[in-house]
Amino acid sequence: MTISLKQDITGLVEQYSKYAWILHDKDINNETGELKDAHYHIYLEFPNPRSINSIANELDIEPFMIEAVRNKQGIIAYLTHSKSPEKYQYDISEVHSNFEIKRIEDVMSMIVISKLIYECATFEEFVAELTKRGLNGNPLTNYSNCLKVWKEKRCVEEKE
């Protein structure tokens, strides 16, 4: 289930077996250009089916504030906006969770990686930014894969 609300109930959600939450305090209203009110996005996962009403009662919030998750794989993208380049891009390190979050495959969309290649002046900075955003696994394999992506992009730029 996901929850989006202004009030801080993170202390309450941290009682559940699986949770992840983030404070969105850098979102901009596209129409006015002003900073939106800070709000929380919360993900809860249960080992057994639970009703939205029962969770709403436990958290003392309205049931309409809770939504069933249809695509568990996209939850980190939902929390960080990683697949919504028009929105503020929250760093994976800002997500609070009590379980291992699958990172690079779900978080690093090609849009984010391409943006980093343009923003980073050096390969070392590129790797550091990817690592900061959740790149994990075998360091040698990661380094090799990052180098391939970096070289491919840089070679395309040089040819243009």
Protein backbone atom coordinates (compact mmCIF):
# COMPACT_ATOMS: atom_id res chain seq x y z
CA MET A 1 0.00 0.00 0.00
CA THR A 2 1.10 3.57 -0.55
CA ILE A 3 0.13 6.61 1.43
CA SER A 4 0.65 10.27 0.61
CA LEU A 5 -0.06 12.88 3.27
CA LYS A 6 1.23 16.01 4.95
CA GLN A 7 1.24 14.75 8.52
CA ASP A 8 4.24 12.85 9.83
CA ILE A 9 3.14 9.33 10.75
CA THR A 10 6.53 7.75 10.10
CA GLY A 11 6.81 6.67 13.73
CA LEU A 12 3.59 4.71 13.34
CA VAL A 13 4.49 3.07 10.03
CA GLU A 14 7.84 1.92 11.38
CA GLN A 15 5.97 -0.70 13.43
CA TYR A 16 5.14 -2.71 10.29
CA SER A 17 7.24 -5.57 8.94
CA LYS A 18 8.14 -3.74 5.71
CA TYR A 19 8.04 0.01 5.22
CA ALA A 20 9.73 2.69 3.17
CA TRP A 21 9.06 6.41 3.38
CA ILE A 22 10.44 9.71 2.14
CA LEU A 23 9.74 13.36 2.87
CA HIS A 24 9.05 15.33 -0.30
CA ASP A 25 10.06 18.86 0.60
CA LYS A 26 11.50 20.06 -2.72
CA ASP A 27 8.55 19.57 -5.10
CA ILE A 28 7.61 22.57 -7.23
CA ASN A 29 4.11 23.46 -8.38
CA ASN A 30 4.42 23.55 -12.19
CA GLU A 31 1.69 26.17 -12.57
CA THR A 32 2.94 28.68 -9.99
CA GLY A 33 6.62 27.79 -9.75
CA GLU A 34 6.30 27.82 -5.98
CA LEU A 35 7.47 25.17 -3.55
CA LYS A 36 4.71 22.69 -2.71
CA ASP A 37 3.86 21.92 0.90
CA ALA A 38 6.11 19.23 2.34
CA HIS A 39 4.48 15.82 2.37
CA TYR A 40 5.35 12.18 2.99
CA HIS A 41 5.14 9.24 0.63
CA ILE A 42 4.94 5.94 2.45
CA TYR A 43 5.06 2.34 1.25
CA LEU A 44 3.86 -0.54 3.42
CA GLU A 45 4.09 -4.23 2.62
CA PHE A 46 2.40 -6.98 4.59
CA PRO A 47 3.04 -10.73 4.74
CA ASN A 48 -0.73 -11.35 4.67
CA PRO A 49 -3.56 -9.47 2.94
CA ARG A 50 -4.78 -6.41 4.85
CA SER A 51 -7.70 -4.15 4.12
CA ILE A 52 -7.22 -0.47 3.44
CA ASN A 53 -9.82 0.31 6.12
CA SER A 54 -7.96 -1.63 8.80
CA ILE A 55 -4.67 0.15 8.02
CA ALA A 56 -6.45 3.52 7.93
CA ASN A 57 -7.91 2.81 11.37
CA GLU A 58 -4.52 1.78 12.78
CA LEU A 59 -2.85 4.91 11.42
CA ASP A 60 -5.81 7.21 12.20
CA ILE A 61 -6.03 8.49 8.61
CA GLU A 62 -8.78 8.47 6.01
CA PRO A 63 -8.96 5.35 3.78
CA PHE A 64 -8.92 7.49 0.60
CA MET A 65 -5.31 8.46 1.47
CA ILE A 66 -4.21 4.84 0.99
CA GLU A 67 -3.81 3.14 -2.36
CA ALA A 68 -3.13 -0.50 -3.18
CA VAL A 69 0.18 -1.04 -4.97
CA ARG A 70 -0.19 -2.59 -8.40
CA ASN A 71 3.47 -2.57 -9.40
CA LYS A 72 5.80 -3.29 -6.50
CA GLN A 73 8.83 -2.93 -8.79
CA GLY A 74 8.02 0.73 -9.37
CA ILE A 75 7.78 1.74 -5.73
CA ILE A 76 11.24 3.30 -5.53
CA ALA A 77 10.53 5.27 -8.69
CA TYR A 78 7.33 6.46 -7.00
CA LEU A 79 9.21 7.53 -3.87
CA THR A 80 12.13 9.21 -5.66
CA HIS A 81 10.45 10.40 -8.91
CA SER A 82 13.23 8.62 -10.83
CA LYS A 83 10.92 7.88 -13.77
CA SER A 84 9.39 11.37 -13.77
CA PRO A 85 12.18 13.67 -15.02
CA GLU A 86 9.89 16.70 -14.92
CA LYS A 87 9.67 16.36 -11.12
CA TYR A 88 12.33 16.94 -8.49
CA GLN A 89 14.67 13.92 -8.35
CA TYR A 90 15.01 12.71 -4.77
CA ASP A 91 18.10 10.72 -3.91
CA ILE A 92 17.72 7.07 -2.91
CA SER A 93 19.58 7.91 0.31
CA GLU A 94 16.56 10.00 1.39
CA VAL A 95 14.35 6.88 1.49
CA HIS A 96 14.01 5.40 4.98
CA SER A 97 13.36 1.66 4.88
CA ASN A 98 13.64 -1.42 7.06
CA PHE A 99 14.37 -3.76 4.15
CA GLU A 100 16.91 -3.92 1.34
CA ILE A 101 15.68 -1.83 -1.52
CA LYS A 102 16.42 -3.08 -5.01
CA ARG A 103 18.38 -0.19 -6.35
CA ILE A 104 20.08 0.27 -9.68
CA GLU A 105 17.61 -1.67 -11.86
CA ASP A 106 14.54 0.12 -10.48
CA VAL A 107 15.97 3.51 -9.62
CA MET A 108 18.38 4.25 -12.41
CA SER A 109 16.28 4.84 -15.46
CA MET A 110 18.17 5.66 -18.62
CA ILE A 111 16.91 9.23 -18.29
CA VAL A 112 18.67 9.64 -14.95
CA ILE A 113 21.87 7.98 -16.20
CA SER A 114 21.90 10.11 -19.37
CA LYS A 115 21.36 13.25 -17.31
CA LEU A 116 24.28 12.32 -15.04
CA ILE A 117 26.57 11.74 -18.01
CA TYR A 118 25.87 15.30 -19.19
CA GLU A 119 26.20 16.79 -15.69
CA CYS A 120 29.40 15.02 -14.67
CA ALA A 121 32.66 16.44 -15.95
CA THR A 122 34.72 13.32 -15.27
CA PHE A 123 34.19 9.58 -15.21
CA GLU A 124 35.10 9.52 -11.50
CA GLU A 125 32.37 12.06 -10.74
CA PHE A 126 29.91 9.99 -12.81
CA VAL A 127 30.69 6.82 -10.81
CA ALA A 128 30.48 8.75 -7.53
CA GLU A 129 27.03 10.10 -8.46
CA LEU A 130 25.77 6.65 -9.47
CA THR A 131 27.09 5.19 -6.22
CA LYS A 132 25.44 7.98 -4.24
CA ARG A 133 22.13 7.15 -5.92
CA GLY A 134 22.23 3.49 -4.99
CA LEU A 135 24.61 1.64 -7.31
CA ASN A 136 25.56 -1.52 -5.45
CA GLY A 137 26.87 -4.97 -6.21
CA ASN A 138 30.29 -6.12 -7.36
CA PRO A 139 32.50 -2.99 -7.55
CA LEU A 140 34.61 -4.31 -10.44
CA THR A 141 31.53 -5.21 -12.50
CA ASN A 142 29.90 -1.87 -11.70
CA TYR A 143 33.04 0.02 -12.65
CA SER A 144 33.29 -1.89 -15.93
CA ASN A 145 29.62 -1.31 -16.79
CA CYS A 146 29.82 2.39 -15.90
CA LEU A 147 32.93 2.76 -18.05
CA LYS A 148 31.14 1.17 -21.03
CA VAL A 149 28.17 3.54 -20.70
CA TRP A 150 30.46 6.55 -20.23
CA LYS A 151 32.61 5.68 -23.25
CA GLU A 152 29.60 5.00 -25.48
CA LYS A 153 28.06 8.36 -24.61
CA ARG A 154 31.32 10.29 -24.90
CA CYS A 155 32.13 8.63 -28.24
CA VAL A 156 28.71 9.61 -29.60
CA GLU A 157 29.29 13.22 -28.47
CA GLU A 158 32.71 13.35 -30.12
CA LYS A 159 31.29 12.06 -33.44
CA GLU A 160 28.51 14.68 -33.50
